[in-house]
């Protein structure tokens, strides 16, 4: 059985630190901020566009 030497522990620690820094912000975003940046604005833009289309705002563009 292999004995955990200081080099093995250092490599494991280094890999853990790299993974922590690589995945901390995306995990934080997914957990807390995804609902904040939901596509609510995009939905409103589609509503405004459809109302403008129904009102004939874009009719001149097709002629």
Protein backbone atom coordinates (compact mmCIF):
# COMPACT_ATOMS: atom_id res chain seq x y z
CA UNK A 1 0.00 0.00 0.00
CA UNK A 2 1.31 3.45 -0.90
CA UNK A 3 2.25 5.81 1.85
CA UNK A 4 1.00 9.40 1.54
CA UNK A 5 4.12 11.47 1.34
CA UNK A 6 4.38 15.22 1.53
CA UNK A 7 4.58 15.40 -2.25
CA UNK A 8 1.31 13.49 -2.66
CA UNK A 9 -0.42 15.66 -0.10
CA UNK A 10 0.92 18.81 -1.78
CA UNK A 11 -0.35 17.64 -5.19
CA UNK A 12 -3.78 16.83 -3.74
CA UNK A 13 -3.88 20.21 -2.02
CA UNK A 14 -2.86 22.00 -5.23
CA UNK A 15 -5.51 20.18 -7.25
CA UNK A 16 -8.12 21.03 -4.64
CA UNK A 17 -7.20 24.72 -4.70
CA UNK A 18 -7.31 24.82 -8.51
CA UNK A 19 -10.73 23.12 -8.61
CA UNK A 20 -12.04 25.41 -5.88
CA UNK A 21 -11.02 28.54 -7.76
CA UNK A 22 -12.25 27.17 -11.07
CA UNK A 23 -15.71 26.12 -9.89
CA UNK A 24 -16.50 28.50 -7.02
CA UNK A 25 -17.90 31.40 -9.07
CA UNK A 26 -19.93 29.29 -11.53
CA UNK A 27 -21.40 27.33 -8.63
CA UNK A 28 -22.21 30.56 -6.83
CA UNK A 29 -23.88 31.91 -9.98
CA UNK A 30 -25.94 28.77 -10.52
CA UNK A 31 -26.99 28.62 -6.89
CA UNK A 32 -27.94 32.21 -6.19
CA UNK A 33 -27.89 34.43 -9.28
CA UNK A 34 -29.47 32.33 -12.02
CA UNK A 35 -32.97 33.42 -11.00
CA UNK A 36 -31.84 37.04 -10.84
CA UNK A 37 -30.66 36.99 -14.46
CA UNK A 38 -33.62 34.99 -15.74
CA UNK A 39 -34.92 35.90 -19.16
CA UNK A 40 -37.61 38.22 -17.81
CA UNK A 41 -36.33 41.11 -19.90
CA UNK A 42 -36.25 38.93 -23.00
CA UNK A 43 -39.86 37.96 -22.40
CA UNK A 44 -40.87 41.63 -22.10
CA UNK A 45 -39.02 42.46 -25.30
CA UNK A 46 -40.98 39.75 -27.12
CA UNK A 47 -44.23 41.16 -25.74
CA UNK A 48 -43.32 44.69 -26.87
CA UNK A 49 -42.29 43.40 -30.29
CA UNK A 50 -45.54 41.50 -30.75
CA UNK A 51 -47.56 44.57 -29.73
CA UNK A 52 -45.66 46.72 -32.21
CA UNK A 53 -46.18 44.08 -34.90
CA UNK A 54 -49.92 43.94 -34.17
CA UNK A 55 -50.13 47.74 -34.37
CA UNK A 56 -48.59 47.69 -37.86
CA UNK A 57 -45.32 49.34 -36.86
CA UNK A 58 -43.28 47.12 -39.19
CA UNK A 59 -45.61 47.19 -42.19
CA UNK A 60 -43.54 49.85 -43.97
CA UNK A 61 -40.44 47.64 -43.75
CA UNK A 62 -42.03 44.94 -45.93
CA UNK A 63 -42.91 47.26 -48.81
